[in-house]
PDB file of N, CA and C in Angstrom:
ATOM      1  N   MET A   1      31.947 -36.539  53.509  1.00  0.00           N
ATOM      2  CA  MET A   1      31.082 -35.441  53.797  1.00  0.00           C
ATOM      3  C   MET A   1      29.797 -35.889  54.413  1.00  0.00           C
ATOM      4  N   LYS A   2      29.501 -35.260  55.463  1.00  0.00           N
ATOM      5  CA  LYS A   2      28.136 -35.591  56.104  1.00  0.00           C
ATOM      6  C   LYS A   2      27.131 -34.662  55.495  1.00  0.00           C
ATOM      7  N   THR A   3      25.945 -35.231  55.226  1.00  0.00           N
ATOM      8  CA  THR A   3      24.846 -34.495  54.692  1.00  0.00           C
ATOM      9  C   THR A   3      23.489 -35.028  55.223  1.00  0.00           C
ATOM     10  N   ALA A   4      22.484 -34.335  55.173  1.00  0.00           N
ATOM     11  CA  ALA A   4      21.140 -34.832  55.644  1.00  0.00           C
ATOM     12  C   ALA A   4      20.196 -34.761  54.461  1.00  0.00           C
ATOM     13  N   VAL A   5      19.474 -35.803  54.236  1.00  0.00           N
ATOM     14  CA  VAL A   5      18.456 -35.806  53.187  1.00  0.00           C
ATOM     15  C   VAL A   5      17.178 -36.453  53.762  1.00  0.00           C
ATOM     16  N   SER A   6      16.088 -36.081  53.149  1.00  0.00           N
ATOM     17  CA  SER A   6      14.846 -36.704  53.491  1.00  0.00           C
ATOM     18  C   SER A   6      14.329 -37.741  52.490  1.00  0.00           C
ATOM     19  N   ILE A   7      14.067 -38.927  52.968  1.00  0.00           N
ATOM     20  CA  ILE A   7      13.514 -39.915  52.093  1.00  0.00           C
ATOM     21  C   ILE A   7      12.248 -40.471  52.656  1.00  0.00           C
ATOM     22  N   PRO A   8      11.413 -41.105  51.800  1.00  0.00           N
ATOM     23  CA  PRO A   8      10.248 -41.745  52.370  1.00  0.00           C
ATOM     24  C   PRO A   8      10.628 -42.953  53.284  1.00  0.00           C
ATOM     25  N   ASP A   9       9.772 -43.164  54.296  1.00  0.00           N
ATOM     26  CA  ASP A   9      10.006 -44.209  55.316  1.00  0.00           C
ATOM     27  C   ASP A   9      10.211 -45.540  54.582  1.00  0.00           C
ATOM     28  N   ASP A  10       9.415 -45.980  53.635  1.00  0.00           N
ATOM     29  CA  ASP A  10       9.545 -47.265  52.970  1.00  0.00           C
ATOM     30  C   ASP A  10      10.891 -47.373  52.216  1.00  0.00           C
ATOM     31  N   VAL A  11      11.353 -46.305  51.667  1.00  0.00           N
ATOM     32  CA  VAL A  11      12.666 -46.411  50.949  1.00  0.00           C
ATOM     33  C   VAL A  11      13.775 -46.587  52.000  1.00  0.00           C
ATOM     34  N   PHE A  12      13.626 -45.899  53.150  1.00  0.00           N
ATOM     35  CA  PHE A  12      14.642 -46.045  54.161  1.00  0.00           C
ATOM     36  C   PHE A  12      14.669 -47.445  54.672  1.00  0.00           C
ATOM     37  N   GLU A  13      13.544 -48.047  54.922  1.00  0.00           N
ATOM     38  CA  GLU A  13      13.372 -49.386  55.503  1.00  0.00           C
ATOM     39  C   GLU A  13      14.029 -50.451  54.511  1.00  0.00           C
ATOM     40  N   ASP A  14      13.597 -50.280  53.206  1.00  0.00           N
ATOM     41  CA  ASP A  14      14.100 -51.126  52.157  1.00  0.00           C
ATOM     42  C   ASP A  14      15.727 -51.072  52.127  1.00  0.00           C
ATOM     43  N   ALA A  15      16.195 -49.820  52.141  1.00  0.00           N
ATOM     44  CA  ALA A  15      17.610 -49.546  52.064  1.00  0.00           C
ATOM     45  C   ALA A  15      18.350 -50.102  53.258  1.00  0.00           C
ATOM     46  N   ASP A  16      17.681 -49.957  54.431  1.00  0.00           N
ATOM     47  CA  ASP A  16      18.300 -50.453  55.678  1.00  0.00           C
ATOM     48  C   ASP A  16      18.448 -51.995  55.670  1.00  0.00           C
ATOM     49  N   ARG A  17      17.286 -52.692  55.144  1.00  0.00           N
ATOM     50  CA  ARG A  17      17.344 -54.119  55.058  1.00  0.00           C
ATOM     51  C   ARG A  17      18.456 -54.566  54.080  1.00  0.00           C
ATOM     52  N   LEU A  18      18.505 -53.893  52.923  1.00  0.00           N
ATOM     53  CA  LEU A  18      19.474 -54.250  51.967  1.00  0.00           C
ATOM     54  C   LEU A  18      20.944 -54.110  52.530  1.00  0.00           C
ATOM     55  N   ALA A  19      21.194 -52.912  53.125  1.00  0.00           N
ATOM     56  CA  ALA A  19      22.512 -52.677  53.772  1.00  0.00           C
ATOM     57  C   ALA A  19      22.875 -53.766  54.695  1.00  0.00           C
ATOM     58  N   ARG A  20      21.965 -54.229  55.509  1.00  0.00           N
ATOM     59  CA  ARG A  20      22.328 -55.245  56.511  1.00  0.00           C
ATOM     60  C   ARG A  20      22.595 -56.576  55.760  1.00  0.00           C
ATOM     61  N   ARG A  21      21.702 -56.943  54.761  1.00  0.00           N
ATOM     62  CA  ARG A  21      21.892 -58.115  53.978  1.00  0.00           C
ATOM     63  C   ARG A  21      23.244 -58.264  53.269  1.00  0.00           C
ATOM     64  N   LEU A  22      23.748 -56.995  52.784  1.00  0.00           N
ATOM     65  CA  LEU A  22      24.968 -56.960  52.045  1.00  0.00           C
ATOM     66  C   LEU A  22      26.176 -56.725  53.054  1.00  0.00           C
ATOM     67  N   GLY A  23      25.947 -56.506  54.318  1.00  0.00           N
ATOM     68  CA  GLY A  23      26.942 -56.348  55.268  1.00  0.00           C
ATOM     69  C   GLY A  23      27.598 -55.002  55.060  1.00  0.00           C
ATOM     70  N   HIS A  24      26.879 -53.925  54.612  1.00  0.00           N
ATOM     71  CA  HIS A  24      27.384 -52.586  54.439  1.00  0.00           C
ATOM     72  C   HIS A  24      26.684 -51.694  55.443  1.00  0.00           C
ATOM     73  N   SER A  25      27.211 -50.522  55.659  1.00  0.00           N
ATOM     74  CA  SER A  25      26.519 -49.519  56.455  1.00  0.00           C
ATOM     75  C   SER A  25      25.541 -48.838  55.499  1.00  0.00           C
ATOM     76  N   ARG A  26      24.658 -48.068  56.130  1.00  0.00           N
ATOM     77  CA  ARG A  26      23.687 -47.300  55.211  1.00  0.00           C
ATOM     78  C   ARG A  26      24.540 -46.298  54.441  1.00  0.00           C
ATOM     79  N   SER A  27      25.492 -45.639  55.023  1.00  0.00           N
ATOM     80  CA  SER A  27      26.278 -44.710  54.265  1.00  0.00           C
ATOM     81  C   SER A  27      26.929 -45.336  53.109  1.00  0.00           C
ATOM     82  N   GLN A  28      27.495 -46.503  53.265  1.00  0.00           N
ATOM     83  CA  GLN A  28      28.084 -47.198  52.121  1.00  0.00           C
ATOM     84  C   GLN A  28      27.141 -47.463  51.103  1.00  0.00           C
ATOM     85  N   LEU A  29      25.929 -47.926  51.488  1.00  0.00           N
ATOM     86  CA  LEU A  29      24.849 -48.290  50.460  1.00  0.00           C
ATOM     87  C   LEU A  29      24.459 -47.051  49.681  1.00  0.00           C
ATOM     88  N   TYR A  30      24.158 -45.972  50.485  1.00  0.00           N
ATOM     89  CA  TYR A  30      23.694 -44.695  49.784  1.00  0.00           C
ATOM     90  C   TYR A  30      24.890 -44.184  48.816  1.00  0.00           C
ATOM     91  N   SER A  31      26.041 -44.170  49.310  1.00  0.00           N
ATOM     92  CA  SER A  31      27.129 -43.796  48.494  1.00  0.00           C
ATOM     93  C   SER A  31      27.241 -44.541  47.177  1.00  0.00           C
ATOM     94  N   ARG A  32      27.195 -45.835  47.308  1.00  0.00           N
ATOM     95  CA  ARG A  32      27.294 -46.771  46.157  1.00  0.00           C
ATOM     96  C   ARG A  32      26.075 -46.461  45.197  1.00  0.00           C
ATOM     97  N   ALA A  33      24.938 -46.349  45.736  1.00  0.00           N
ATOM     98  CA  ALA A  33      23.747 -46.168  44.840  1.00  0.00           C
ATOM     99  C   ALA A  33      23.823 -44.755  44.220  1.00  0.00           C
ATOM    100  N   LEU A  34      24.247 -43.771  44.856  1.00  0.00           N
ATOM    101  CA  LEU A  34      24.444 -42.440  44.258  1.00  0.00           C
ATOM    102  C   LEU A  34      25.499 -42.410  43.132  1.00  0.00           C
ATOM    103  N   ARG A  35      26.585 -43.131  43.482  1.00  0.00           N
ATOM    104  CA  ARG A  35      27.666 -43.255  42.497  1.00  0.00           C
ATOM    105  C   ARG A  35      27.124 -43.856  41.172  1.00  0.00           C
ATOM    106  N   GLU A  36      26.391 -45.005  41.315  1.00  0.00           N
ATOM    107  CA  GLU A  36      25.874 -45.635  40.176  1.00  0.00           C
ATOM    108  C   GLU A  36      24.886 -44.715  39.397  1.00  0.00           C
ATOM    109  N   PHE A  37      24.030 -44.049  40.188  1.00  0.00           N
ATOM    110  CA  PHE A  37      22.986 -43.174  39.531  1.00  0.00           C
ATOM    111  C   PHE A  37      23.724 -42.018  38.784  1.00  0.00           C
ATOM    112  N   VAL A  38      24.689 -41.473  39.349  1.00  0.00           N
ATOM    113  CA  VAL A  38      25.455 -40.357  38.669  1.00  0.00           C
ATOM    114  C   VAL A  38      26.139 -40.875  37.503  1.00  0.00           C
ATOM    115  N   ALA A  39      26.822 -42.103  37.590  1.00  0.00           N
ATOM    116  CA  ALA A  39      27.452 -42.616  36.356  1.00  0.00           C
ATOM    117  C   ALA A  39      26.563 -42.912  35.267  1.00  0.00           C
ATOM    118  N   ARG A  40      25.365 -43.283  35.555  1.00  0.00           N
ATOM    119  CA  ARG A  40      24.337 -43.542  34.438  1.00  0.00           C
ATOM    120  C   ARG A  40      23.901 -42.266  33.778  1.00  0.00           C
ATOM    121  N   GLY A  41      23.982 -41.196  34.508  1.00  0.00           N
ATOM    122  CA  GLY A  41      23.566 -39.961  33.968  1.00  0.00           C
ATOM    123  C   GLY A  41      24.702 -39.188  33.156  1.00  0.00           C
ATOM    124  N   GLU A  42      25.839 -39.717  33.213  1.00  0.00           N
ATOM    125  CA  GLU A  42      26.946 -39.102  32.538  1.00  0.00           C
ATOM    126  C   GLU A  42      27.196 -39.800  31.140  1.00  0.00           C
ATOM    127  N   PRO A  43      26.792 -39.088  30.091  1.00  0.00           N
ATOM    128  CA  PRO A  43      26.902 -39.766  28.798  1.00  0.00           C
ATOM    129  C   PRO A  43      28.301 -40.214  28.436  1.00  0.00           C
ATOM    130  N   SER A  44      29.334 -39.489  28.869  1.00  0.00           N
ATOM    131  CA  SER A  44      30.678 -39.874  28.660  1.00  0.00           C
ATOM    132  C   SER A  44      31.016 -41.251  29.359  1.00  0.00           C
ATOM    133  N   SER A  45      30.510 -41.498  30.534  1.00  0.00           N
ATOM    134  CA  SER A  45      30.764 -42.713  31.228  1.00  0.00           C
ATOM    135  C   SER A  45      30.087 -43.849  30.525  1.00  0.00           C
ATOM    136  N   VAL A  46      28.855 -43.640  30.072  1.00  0.00           N
ATOM    137  CA  VAL A  46      28.165 -44.689  29.309  1.00  0.00           C
ATOM    138  C   VAL A  46      28.895 -44.983  28.038  1.00  0.00           C
ATOM    139  N   THR A  47      29.348 -43.976  27.351  1.00  0.00           N
ATOM    140  CA  THR A  47      30.077 -44.215  26.038  1.00  0.00           C
ATOM    141  C   THR A  47      31.369 -44.939  26.343  1.00  0.00           C
ATOM    142  N   ALA A  48      32.096 -44.567  27.378  1.00  0.00           N
ATOM    143  CA  ALA A  48      33.318 -45.311  27.722  1.00  0.00           C
ATOM    144  C   ALA A  48      33.114 -46.711  28.062  1.00  0.00           C
ATOM    145  N   ALA A  49      32.040 -47.028  28.756  1.00  0.00           N
ATOM    146  CA  ALA A  49      31.723 -48.390  29.137  1.00  0.00           C
ATOM    147  C   ALA A  49      31.392 -49.255  27.771  1.00  0.00           C
ATOM    148  N   LEU A  50      30.558 -48.671  26.909  1.00  0.00           N
ATOM    149  CA  LEU A  50      30.251 -49.354  25.655  1.00  0.00           C
ATOM    150  C   LEU A  50      31.515 -49.505  24.855  1.00  0.00           C
ATOM    151  N   ASP A  51      32.291 -48.440  24.785  1.00  0.00           N
ATOM    152  CA  ASP A  51      33.554 -48.592  24.034  1.00  0.00           C
ATOM    153  C   ASP A  51      34.549 -49.749  24.529  1.00  0.00           C
ATOM    154  N   ALA A  52      34.507 -49.936  25.824  1.00  0.00           N
ATOM    155  CA  ALA A  52      35.342 -50.928  26.385  1.00  0.00           C
ATOM    156  C   ALA A  52      34.822 -52.297  25.959  1.00  0.00           C
ATOM    157  N   VAL A  53      33.479 -52.453  25.817  1.00  0.00           N
ATOM    158  CA  VAL A  53      32.932 -53.700  25.429  1.00  0.00           C
ATOM    159  C   VAL A  53      33.140 -54.014  23.986  1.00  0.00           C
ATOM    160  N   VAL A  54      33.153 -52.940  23.169  1.00  0.00           N
ATOM    161  CA  VAL A  54      33.152 -53.075  21.750  1.00  0.00           C
ATOM    162  C   VAL A  54      34.515 -52.940  21.170  1.00  0.00           C
ATOM    163  N   VAL A  55      35.531 -52.955  22.019  1.00  0.00           N
ATOM    164  CA  VAL A  55      36.932 -52.835  21.502  1.00  0.00           C
ATOM    165  C   VAL A  55      37.137 -53.920  20.380  1.00  0.00           C
ATOM    166  N   GLU A  56      37.702 -53.413  19.271  1.00  0.00           N
ATOM    167  CA  GLU A  56      38.021 -54.391  18.189  1.00  0.00           C
ATOM    168  C   GLU A  56      39.157 -55.287  18.642  1.00  0.00           C
ATOM    169  N   ASP A  57      38.922 -56.605  18.500  1.00  0.00           N
ATOM    170  CA  ASP A  57      39.939 -57.597  18.924  1.00  0.00           C
ATOM    171  C   ASP A  57      40.449 -58.377  17.726  1.00  0.00           C
ATOM    172  N   PRO A  58      41.704 -58.157  17.305  1.00  0.00           N
ATOM    173  CA  PRO A  58      42.265 -58.765  16.162  1.00  0.00           C
ATOM    174  C   PRO A  58      42.259 -60.335  16.201  1.00  0.00           C
ATOM    175  N   THR A  59      42.014 -60.892  17.430  1.00  0.00           N
ATOM    176  CA  THR A  59      42.083 -62.356  17.476  1.00  0.00           C
ATOM    177  C   THR A  59      40.620 -62.943  17.123  1.00  0.00           C
ATOM    178  N   ILE A  60      39.624 -62.169  16.960  1.00  0.00           N
ATOM    179  CA  ILE A  60      38.225 -62.621  16.709  1.00  0.00           C
ATOM    180  C   ILE A  60      38.285 -63.127  15.264  1.00  0.00           C
ATOM    181  N   ASP A  61      37.788 -64.284  15.048  1.00  0.00           N
ATOM    182  CA  ASP A  61      37.633 -64.879  13.715  1.00  0.00           C
ATOM    183  C   ASP A  61      36.727 -63.994  12.886  1.00  0.00           C
ATOM    184  N   ALA A  62      37.194 -63.767  11.616  1.00  0.00           N
ATOM    185  CA  ALA A  62      36.474 -62.787  10.726  1.00  0.00           C
ATOM    186  C   ALA A  62      34.978 -63.293  10.433  1.00  0.00           C
ATOM    187  N   PHE A  63      34.819 -64.659  10.321  1.00  0.00           N
ATOM    188  CA  PHE A  63      33.404 -65.200  10.110  1.00  0.00           C
ATOM    189  C   PHE A  63      32.557 -64.828  11.350  1.00  0.00           C
ATOM    190  N   VAL A  64      33.107 -65.087  12.557  1.00  0.00           N
ATOM    191  CA  VAL A  64      32.299 -64.847  13.702  1.00  0.00           C
ATOM    192  C   VAL A  64      31.967 -63.317  13.836  1.00  0.00           C
ATOM    193  N   ASP A  65      32.972 -62.463  13.514  1.00  0.00           N
ATOM    194  CA  ASP A  65      32.769 -61.004  13.497  1.00  0.00           C
ATOM    195  C   ASP A  65      31.644 -60.632  12.544  1.00  0.00           C
ATOM    196  N   ARG A  66      31.633 -61.067  11.298  1.00  0.00           N
ATOM    197  CA  ARG A  66      30.622 -60.762  10.356  1.00  0.00           C
ATOM    198  C   ARG A  66      29.287 -61.318  10.791  1.00  0.00           C
ATOM    199  N   ALA A  67      29.208 -62.453  11.283  1.00  0.00           N
ATOM    200  CA  ALA A  67      27.999 -63.079  11.662  1.00  0.00           C
ATOM    201  C   ALA A  67      27.366 -62.291  12.835  1.00  0.00           C
ATOM    202  N   GLY A  68      28.215 -61.902  13.766  1.00  0.00           N
ATOM    203  CA  GLY A  68      27.702 -61.080  14.876  1.00  0.00           C
ATOM    204  C   GLY A  68      27.212 -59.729  14.400  1.00  0.00           C
ATOM    205  N   ARG A  69      27.863 -59.115  13.500  1.00  0.00           N
ATOM    206  CA  ARG A  69      27.449 -57.797  12.979  1.00  0.00           C
ATOM    207  C   ARG A  69      26.123 -57.913  12.240  1.00  0.00           C
ATOM    208  N   ARG A  70      25.954 -59.065  11.447  1.00  0.00           N
ATOM    209  CA  ARG A  70      24.679 -59.207  10.747  1.00  0.00           C
ATOM    210  C   ARG A  70      23.490 -59.457  11.676  1.00  0.00           C
ATOM    211  N   ALA A  71      23.814 -60.200  12.748  1.00  0.00           N
ATOM    212  CA  ALA A  71      22.743 -60.505  13.769  1.00  0.00           C
ATOM    213  C   ALA A  71      22.298 -59.218  14.439  1.00  0.00           C
ATOM    214  N   VAL A  72      23.324 -58.273  14.803  1.00  0.00           N
ATOM    215  CA  VAL A  72      22.982 -57.014  15.454  1.00  0.00           C
ATOM    216  C   VAL A  72      22.199 -56.188  14.500  1.00  0.00           C
ATOM    217  N   ALA A  73      22.588 -56.166  13.188  1.00  0.00           N
ATOM    218  CA  ALA A  73      21.952 -55.332  12.249  1.00  0.00           C
ATOM    219  C   ALA A  73      20.423 -55.744  11.998  1.00  0.00           C
ATOM    220  N   ARG A  74      20.178 -56.931  12.218  1.00  0.00           N
ATOM    221  CA  ARG A  74      18.766 -57.461  11.990  1.00  0.00           C
ATOM    222  C   ARG A  74      17.952 -57.329  13.383  1.00  0.00           C
ATOM    223  N   SER A  75      18.555 -57.016  14.342  1.00  0.00           N
ATOM    224  CA  SER A  75      17.841 -56.904  15.712  1.00  0.00           C
ATOM    225  C   SER A  75      17.112 -55.495  15.747  1.00  0.00           C
ATOM    226  N   ASP A  76      15.987 -55.597  16.328  1.00  0.00           N
ATOM    227  CA  ASP A  76      15.124 -54.340  16.681  1.00  0.00           C
ATOM    228  C   ASP A  76      15.733 -53.756  18.004  1.00  0.00           C
ATOM    229  N   TRP A  77      16.111 -52.554  18.062  1.00  0.00           N
ATOM    230  CA  TRP A  77      16.630 -51.889  19.161  1.00  0.00           C
ATOM    231  C   TRP A  77      15.550 -51.178  19.748  1.00  0.00           C
TER     232      TRP A  77
END
């Protein structure tokens, strides 16, 4: 879908440079940036990402699991 938005000149220039450096079009860059921004704002996607990282793995050694949990419990969040 085509759309028109207004952005500050300096943001446009930075984005244009980044798109060239990455070998993407501006449209690809803006689409990717918006996709990431939207995903970060969706609590369900954040939860899903964390759940994927914290999946219980039966092959993890029990000692390592307990030590890791203790370390996290002692950490300031």
